[in-house]
Amino acid sequence: MFEVYDVALIALIVGLVEILKTAGLPKRWLPIASVLFGLAGGIFYVSPGDLKSGIIIGLILGLSASGLYSGSKNIVVRKK
């Protein structure tokens, strides 16, 4: 079952995507990497016994992390 503290995976996904960004992954691939990390977290960590729930939760985690990443990036860019 999805617990509230599993939402902390979003921050982990954002961190992993940031590592990929500094490693040189093109920016256009970062949202896809975010969704893939979310799917992996949803399927293997949050809901390992239920594939359908894992996929849905993983998509939510990955898309949330992608939105959080791009949203925070836009805020930081505007303040400069």
Protein backbone atom coordinates (compact mmCIF):
# COMPACT_ATOMS: atom_id res chain seq x y z
CA MET A 1 0.00 0.00 0.00
CA PHE A 2 1.18 3.50 -0.80
CA GLU A 3 2.18 5.39 2.33
CA VAL A 4 2.57 9.11 2.71
CA TYR A 5 6.30 8.85 3.44
CA ASP A 6 6.81 7.12 0.09
CA VAL A 7 6.33 10.57 -1.44
CA ALA A 8 9.93 11.20 -0.30
CA LEU A 9 10.89 9.18 -3.37
CA ILE A 10 10.07 12.28 -5.41
CA ALA A 11 13.01 14.10 -3.84
CA LEU A 12 15.24 11.09 -4.52
CA ILE A 13 14.15 11.04 -8.17
CA VAL A 14 14.85 14.76 -8.50
CA GLY A 15 18.32 14.16 -7.07
CA LEU A 16 19.03 11.29 -9.44
CA VAL A 17 17.89 13.35 -12.41
CA GLU A 18 20.14 16.19 -11.27
CA ILE A 19 23.08 13.76 -11.16
CA LEU A 20 22.29 12.67 -14.72
CA LYS A 21 22.11 16.32 -15.75
CA THR A 22 25.55 17.08 -14.33
CA ALA A 23 26.88 13.89 -15.94
CA GLY A 24 25.99 15.32 -19.34
CA LEU A 25 22.64 13.76 -20.23
CA PRO A 26 20.86 16.05 -22.73
CA LYS A 27 18.08 18.10 -21.16
CA ARG A 28 15.43 16.67 -23.44
CA TRP A 29 15.96 13.21 -21.87
CA LEU A 30 15.65 14.35 -18.25
CA PRO A 31 11.82 14.08 -18.01
CA ILE A 32 11.97 10.58 -19.50
CA ALA A 33 14.63 9.59 -16.97
CA SER A 34 12.42 10.99 -14.21
CA VAL A 35 9.48 8.86 -15.31
CA LEU A 36 11.69 5.77 -15.61
CA PHE A 37 13.05 6.29 -12.09
CA GLY A 38 9.49 6.80 -10.87
CA LEU A 39 8.34 3.59 -12.52
CA ALA A 40 11.23 1.67 -11.00
CA GLY A 41 10.46 3.07 -7.55
CA GLY A 42 6.75 2.38 -7.89
CA ILE A 43 7.11 -1.17 -9.16
CA PHE A 44 10.04 -2.38 -7.07
CA TYR A 45 9.74 -0.37 -3.83
CA VAL A 46 6.27 1.01 -3.23
CA SER A 47 4.15 -1.79 -4.65
CA PRO A 48 6.29 -4.85 -5.45
CA GLY A 49 3.39 -7.32 -5.32
CA ASP A 50 0.97 -5.47 -7.58
CA LEU A 51 2.25 -4.49 -11.03
CA LYS A 52 -0.73 -2.29 -11.97
CA SER A 53 -0.55 -0.24 -8.79
CA GLY A 54 3.22 -0.03 -9.09
CA ILE A 55 2.97 1.37 -12.60
CA ILE A 56 0.33 3.94 -11.64
CA ILE A 57 2.20 5.03 -8.52
CA GLY A 58 5.47 5.07 -10.45
CA LEU A 59 4.00 7.31 -13.11
CA ILE A 60 2.69 9.65 -10.44
CA LEU A 61 6.09 9.75 -8.74
CA GLY A 62 8.01 10.29 -11.97
CA LEU A 63 5.70 12.93 -13.37
CA SER A 64 5.58 14.72 -10.02
CA ALA A 65 9.36 14.74 -9.85
CA SER A 66 9.56 16.01 -13.41
CA GLY A 67 7.12 18.81 -12.64
CA LEU A 68 8.88 19.60 -9.40
CA TYR A 69 12.21 19.74 -11.22
CA SER A 70 11.02 21.99 -14.04
CA GLY A 71 8.91 24.14 -11.75
CA SER A 72 11.73 24.78 -9.31
CA LYS A 73 14.10 25.43 -12.22
CA ASN A 74 11.76 28.10 -13.59
CA ILE A 75 11.50 29.78 -10.20
CA VAL A 76 15.28 29.86 -9.79
CA VAL A 77 15.77 31.21 -13.32
CA ARG A 78 13.28 34.03 -12.75
CA LYS A 79 14.99 35.21 -9.56
CA LYS A 80 18.37 35.68 -11.27
